[in-house]
Amino acid sequence: MLTSGTKTLSYRPNSELKNGAYLRNYIQNRKYYLSSKRFFDIIFSLLATIFILSWLIPVVAILIKISSRGPVFFVQKRVGFLGRSFNCLKFRTMVINNEAHSKQAVDNDPRITRIGKFLRLSNLDEFPQFLNVLAGDMSIVGPRPHMYKDCSEFSAVIENYRFRNLSKPGITGLAQVKGYRGPAKDFESIFRRYQWDAFYVRNSNFWFDLRIIRKTAGQTISFIFKSFLPKKDSHEEEQERFYRRFLLQARERMNTFL
């Protein structure tokens, strides 16, 4: 059970999920957006499958097989649109273990393989979910799908938590680009994720989706480049900090003079 370490958070539950008319109105008012979103999902996923997955899957498959025994893909039942169950695909990032379907990964989790750590931090482990998008179980953008155990636990802590299921789960989402990725360690972390997910469900539109995709792509590409660039030693880092301070002071003096 998750508990809050502070008493400053407040939450006012709503009754939207309990009202069938709200769901009908939600879909009716957004039918054009939902239709265009599905069309975009299909086109984007087809392009990703042809130009990325076609070579990424064989490369990652070899690395996964070298790092540990077991299948290339990890398939898990997740909670989808309106609470429906679906098989979520991922590249396998852990050694085979009995807790994979019930225990969240944590920092420095011994179950995570070396290549699995890179796949997780770079978001590449989620790329097989483009196939879930083509199947209609997911969207490119939406709240991340949870294991049933996590969904039940979070719903017990935050009333009306399943409101986020009014939107198809996404490969990426607003909460993720805001920095809420990985395991939910406490009440605050899952509460903040829910806030961003609920905000997305209420305010999603096509241009909003494109911004989230752009930010996600930027984060992924930035991490991959940083992973392969040579790391700076302490002397180089100190020099860089010195030059930054020098430029900042020079700018402040110039502003004062002007």
Protein backbone atom coordinates (compact mmCIF):
# COMPACT_ATOMS: atom_id res chain seq x y z
CA MET A 1 0.00 0.00 0.00
CA LEU A 2 1.27 3.46 -0.88
CA THR A 3 1.27 6.13 1.81
CA SER A 4 1.87 9.85 1.70
CA GLY A 5 4.87 11.33 3.47
CA THR A 6 3.26 14.77 3.63
CA LYS A 7 -0.18 16.17 4.43
CA THR A 8 -0.15 19.07 1.99
CA LEU A 9 -1.66 17.25 -0.99
CA SER A 10 -5.35 17.58 -1.62
CA TYR A 11 -7.61 15.73 -4.02
CA ARG A 12 -11.26 16.21 -4.87
CA PRO A 13 -12.73 13.08 -6.46
CA ASN A 14 -15.17 13.41 -9.33
CA SER A 15 -17.99 11.16 -10.41
CA GLU A 16 -17.36 11.15 -14.15
CA LEU A 17 -16.75 7.42 -14.39
CA LYS A 18 -19.93 6.69 -12.47
CA ASN A 19 -21.99 8.64 -14.98
CA GLY A 20 -22.64 6.80 -18.24
CA ALA A 21 -23.87 10.00 -19.88
CA TYR A 22 -20.44 11.57 -19.34
CA LEU A 23 -18.75 8.78 -21.32
CA ARG A 24 -21.24 9.09 -24.18
CA ASN A 25 -20.82 12.87 -24.30
CA TYR A 26 -17.04 12.56 -24.05
CA ILE A 27 -16.90 10.28 -27.11
CA GLN A 28 -19.54 12.24 -29.04
CA ASN A 29 -17.82 15.60 -28.50
CA ARG A 30 -14.46 14.17 -29.53
CA LYS A 31 -15.45 11.85 -32.36
CA TYR A 32 -13.53 13.82 -35.01
CA TYR A 33 -10.42 14.03 -32.86
CA LEU A 34 -10.63 10.32 -31.96
CA SER A 35 -11.06 9.39 -35.64
CA SER A 36 -8.07 11.49 -36.72
CA LYS A 37 -6.06 10.18 -33.78
CA ARG A 38 -6.69 6.58 -34.85
CA PHE A 39 -5.79 7.38 -38.46
CA PHE A 40 -2.54 9.04 -37.30
CA ASP A 41 -1.77 6.08 -35.00
CA ILE A 42 -2.05 3.63 -37.90
CA ILE A 43 0.10 5.67 -40.30
CA PHE A 44 2.76 6.49 -37.68
CA SER A 45 2.93 2.89 -36.45
CA LEU A 46 3.20 1.49 -39.97
CA LEU A 47 6.12 3.83 -40.71
CA ALA A 48 7.77 2.96 -37.38
CA THR A 49 7.34 -0.76 -38.08
CA ILE A 50 8.79 -0.53 -41.59
CA PHE A 51 11.67 1.87 -40.95
CA ILE A 52 12.58 1.16 -37.30
CA LEU A 53 11.25 -2.15 -36.00
CA SER A 54 12.32 -3.99 -39.17
CA TRP A 55 16.00 -3.61 -38.16
CA LEU A 56 15.68 -2.79 -34.44
CA ILE A 57 14.04 -6.10 -33.51
CA PRO A 58 16.83 -8.30 -34.98
CA VAL A 59 19.56 -6.14 -33.41
CA VAL A 60 17.94 -6.01 -29.97
CA ALA A 61 17.04 -9.70 -30.17
CA ILE A 62 20.70 -10.63 -30.56
CA LEU A 63 21.73 -8.41 -27.63
CA ILE A 64 18.99 -9.81 -25.39
CA LYS A 65 19.91 -13.39 -26.26
CA ILE A 66 23.57 -12.68 -25.50
CA SER A 67 22.77 -11.03 -22.15
CA SER A 68 20.49 -13.75 -20.72
CA ARG A 69 18.42 -16.80 -21.51
CA GLY A 70 14.77 -16.42 -22.38
CA PRO A 71 12.45 -14.94 -25.02
CA VAL A 72 13.10 -11.67 -26.83
CA PHE A 73 9.68 -10.22 -25.99
CA PHE A 74 7.97 -9.82 -22.64
CA VAL A 75 4.18 -10.14 -22.87
CA GLN A 76 2.02 -9.01 -19.98
CA LYS A 77 -1.69 -8.49 -19.36
CA ARG A 78 -2.31 -4.77 -18.89
CA VAL A 79 -5.35 -2.59 -18.21
CA GLY A 80 -6.50 -0.85 -21.37
CA PHE A 81 -9.31 1.35 -22.66
CA LEU A 82 -12.31 1.29 -20.27
CA GLY A 83 -10.54 -1.36 -18.18
CA ARG A 84 -10.34 -3.95 -20.96
CA SER A 85 -7.48 -6.41 -20.81
CA PHE A 86 -4.86 -6.69 -23.56
CA ASN A 87 -1.44 -8.27 -24.08
CA CYS A 88 1.18 -5.52 -23.88
CA LEU A 89 4.44 -6.14 -25.76
CA LYS A 90 7.90 -5.07 -24.62
CA PHE A 91 11.46 -6.10 -25.23
CA ARG A 92 12.46 -8.31 -22.30
CA THR A 93 14.70 -6.33 -19.95
CA MET A 94 14.87 -8.75 -16.99
CA VAL A 95 16.08 -12.24 -16.36
CA ILE A 96 13.25 -14.76 -16.15
CA ASN A 97 11.72 -14.47 -12.67
CA ASN A 98 8.50 -15.37 -10.83
CA GLU A 99 7.76 -11.76 -9.79
CA ALA A 100 7.75 -10.17 -13.24
CA HIS A 101 3.93 -9.90 -13.31
CA SER A 102 3.47 -8.69 -9.73
CA LYS A 103 6.49 -6.64 -8.63
CA GLN A 104 7.51 -3.31 -10.15
CA ALA A 105 11.13 -2.78 -11.13
CA VAL A 106 13.09 -0.57 -8.74
CA ASP A 107 16.37 1.33 -8.97
CA ASN A 108 19.34 -1.04 -9.27
CA ASP A 109 16.95 -3.98 -9.54
CA PRO A 110 19.10 -7.13 -9.79
CA ARG A 111 16.56 -8.67 -12.16
CA ILE A 112 17.35 -6.10 -14.87
CA THR A 113 20.02 -7.14 -17.36
CA ARG A 114 22.76 -4.81 -18.62
CA ILE A 115 21.13 -4.36 -22.02
CA GLY A 116 17.76 -4.17 -20.25
CA LYS A 117 18.87 -1.12 -18.28
CA PHE A 118 19.83 0.69 -21.48
CA LEU A 119 16.55 -0.29 -23.16
CA ARG A 120 14.53 1.02 -20.21
CA LEU A 121 16.36 4.33 -19.83
CA SER A 122 16.21 5.01 -23.58
CA ASN A 123 12.53 3.96 -23.90
CA LEU A 124 13.52 1.48 -26.62
CA ASP A 125 11.94 -1.38 -24.64
CA GLU A 126 8.53 0.12 -25.46
CA PHE A 127 9.00 0.14 -29.26
CA PRO A 128 7.28 -3.25 -29.86
CA GLN A 129 4.10 -1.55 -28.64
CA PHE A 130 3.74 -0.01 -32.09
CA LEU A 131 2.32 -3.45 -32.91
CA ASN A 132 -0.20 -2.98 -30.07
CA VAL A 133 -1.15 0.34 -31.66
CA LEU A 134 -1.75 -1.31 -35.03
CA ALA A 135 -3.94 -3.91 -33.30
CA GLY A 136 -6.04 -1.11 -31.79
CA ASP A 137 -5.23 -1.85 -28.14
CA MET A 138 -3.05 1.23 -27.65
CA SER A 139 -2.41 4.69 -29.04
CA ILE A 140 0.86 6.53 -29.65
CA VAL A 141 -0.03 9.01 -26.88
CA GLY A 142 -2.07 8.29 -23.77
CA PRO A 143 -1.76 7.27 -20.12
CA ARG A 144 0.70 4.42 -19.67
CA PRO A 145 -1.00 1.01 -19.16
CA HIS A 146 -0.61 -0.59 -15.73
CA MET A 147 -0.41 -4.15 -14.49
CA TYR A 148 -3.67 -5.21 -12.86
CA LYS A 149 -2.00 -5.37 -9.46
CA ASP A 150 -0.75 -1.78 -9.73
CA CYS A 151 -4.08 -0.51 -11.05
CA SER A 152 -5.95 -2.06 -8.10
CA GLU A 153 -3.44 -0.71 -5.61
CA PHE A 154 -3.44 2.81 -7.04
CA SER A 155 -7.25 2.82 -7.24
CA ALA A 156 -7.41 1.99 -3.53
CA VAL A 157 -5.28 5.05 -2.77
CA ILE A 158 -6.76 7.56 -5.24
CA GLU A 159 -10.52 7.57 -5.70
CA ASN A 160 -11.72 7.48 -9.31
CA TYR A 161 -8.22 6.57 -10.47
CA ARG A 162 -9.69 4.59 -13.36
CA PHE A 163 -10.84 7.87 -14.93
CA ARG A 164 -7.54 7.72 -16.87
CA ASN A 165 -8.87 4.61 -18.67
CA LEU A 166 -11.27 6.82 -20.68
CA SER A 167 -8.33 7.24 -23.04
CA LYS A 168 -6.52 4.43 -24.80
CA PRO A 169 -3.18 3.70 -23.13
CA GLY A 170 -0.19 5.15 -24.93
CA ILE A 171 3.40 4.28 -25.74
CA THR A 172 4.19 7.66 -24.21
CA GLY A 173 2.14 10.18 -22.29
CA LEU A 174 2.06 13.59 -20.67
CA ALA A 175 3.14 12.22 -17.28
CA GLN A 176 6.20 10.61 -18.87
CA VAL A 177 7.46 13.76 -20.60
CA LYS A 178 6.95 15.59 -17.29
CA GLY A 179 9.46 13.22 -15.71
CA TYR A 180 7.20 10.64 -14.07
CA ARG A 181 8.63 7.41 -15.45
CA GLY A 182 9.67 4.17 -13.83
CA PRO A 183 8.36 2.73 -10.57
CA ALA A 184 5.90 4.59 -8.35
CA LYS A 185 7.79 4.80 -5.06
CA ASP A 186 5.21 6.62 -2.92
CA PHE A 187 1.81 8.29 -2.88
CA GLU A 188 3.12 11.61 -4.24
CA SER A 189 4.65 10.02 -7.35
CA ILE A 190 1.50 8.16 -8.39
CA PHE A 191 -0.70 11.13 -7.44
CA ARG A 192 1.30 13.46 -9.69
CA ARG A 193 1.15 10.95 -12.54
CA TYR A 194 -2.59 10.70 -12.15
CA GLN A 195 -2.89 14.50 -12.22
CA TRP A 196 -1.06 14.69 -15.56
CA ASP A 197 -2.97 11.69 -16.98
CA ALA A 198 -6.32 13.16 -15.97
CA PHE A 199 -5.31 16.54 -17.43
CA TYR A 200 -4.47 14.81 -20.71
CA VAL A 201 -7.77 12.90 -20.84
CA ARG A 202 -9.73 16.14 -20.38
CA ASN A 203 -7.64 18.35 -22.69
CA SER A 204 -6.15 16.07 -25.35
CA ASN A 205 -6.10 17.24 -28.94
CA PHE A 206 -4.10 16.51 -32.07
CA TRP A 207 -1.53 19.29 -31.59
CA PHE A 208 -1.10 18.34 -27.93
CA ASP A 209 -0.29 14.77 -29.05
CA LEU A 210 2.32 16.03 -31.52
CA ARG A 211 4.04 18.06 -28.79
CA ILE A 212 4.23 15.02 -26.51
CA ILE A 213 5.64 12.88 -29.35
CA ARG A 214 8.25 15.54 -30.13
CA LYS A 215 9.35 15.81 -26.49
CA THR A 216 9.52 12.01 -26.13
CA ALA A 217 11.60 11.68 -29.29
CA GLY A 218 13.93 14.41 -28.05
CA GLN A 219 14.41 12.70 -24.68
CA THR A 220 15.11 9.32 -26.31
CA ILE A 221 17.58 10.65 -28.90
CA SER A 222 19.35 12.78 -26.28
CA PHE A 223 19.83 9.79 -23.96
CA ILE A 224 21.15 7.56 -26.75
CA PHE A 225 23.68 10.17 -27.91
CA LYS A 226 24.87 10.83 -24.36
CA SER A 227 25.28 7.09 -23.79
CA PHE A 228 27.72 6.75 -26.70
CA LEU A 229 29.62 10.01 -26.30
CA PRO A 230 32.85 9.82 -24.24
CA LYS A 231 32.32 10.93 -20.66
CA LYS A 232 34.14 14.06 -19.49
CA ASP A 233 36.65 13.77 -16.72
CA SER A 234 36.46 15.93 -13.58
CA HIS A 235 38.99 18.46 -14.93
CA GLU A 236 36.98 19.06 -18.10
CA GLU A 237 33.77 19.41 -16.09
CA GLU A 238 35.42 21.97 -13.79
CA GLN A 239 36.64 23.96 -16.80
CA GLU A 240 33.16 23.92 -18.30
CA ARG A 241 31.64 25.19 -15.05
CA PHE A 242 34.27 27.95 -14.89
CA TYR A 243 33.48 29.15 -18.41
CA ARG A 244 29.75 29.09 -17.69
CA ARG A 245 30.25 31.22 -14.56
CA PHE A 246 32.53 33.58 -16.49
CA LEU A 247 29.98 34.06 -19.28
CA LEU A 248 27.15 34.55 -16.79
CA GLN A 249 29.11 37.21 -14.88
CA ALA A 250 30.09 38.96 -18.12
CA ARG A 251 26.44 39.03 -19.20
CA GLU A 252 25.39 40.48 -15.84
CA ARG A 253 28.05 43.22 -16.05
CA MET A 254 26.96 44.07 -19.59
CA ASN A 255 23.32 44.32 -18.51
CA THR A 256 24.33 46.62 -15.63
CA PHE A 257 26.36 48.83 -18.00
CA LEU A 258 23.54 49.09 -20.49
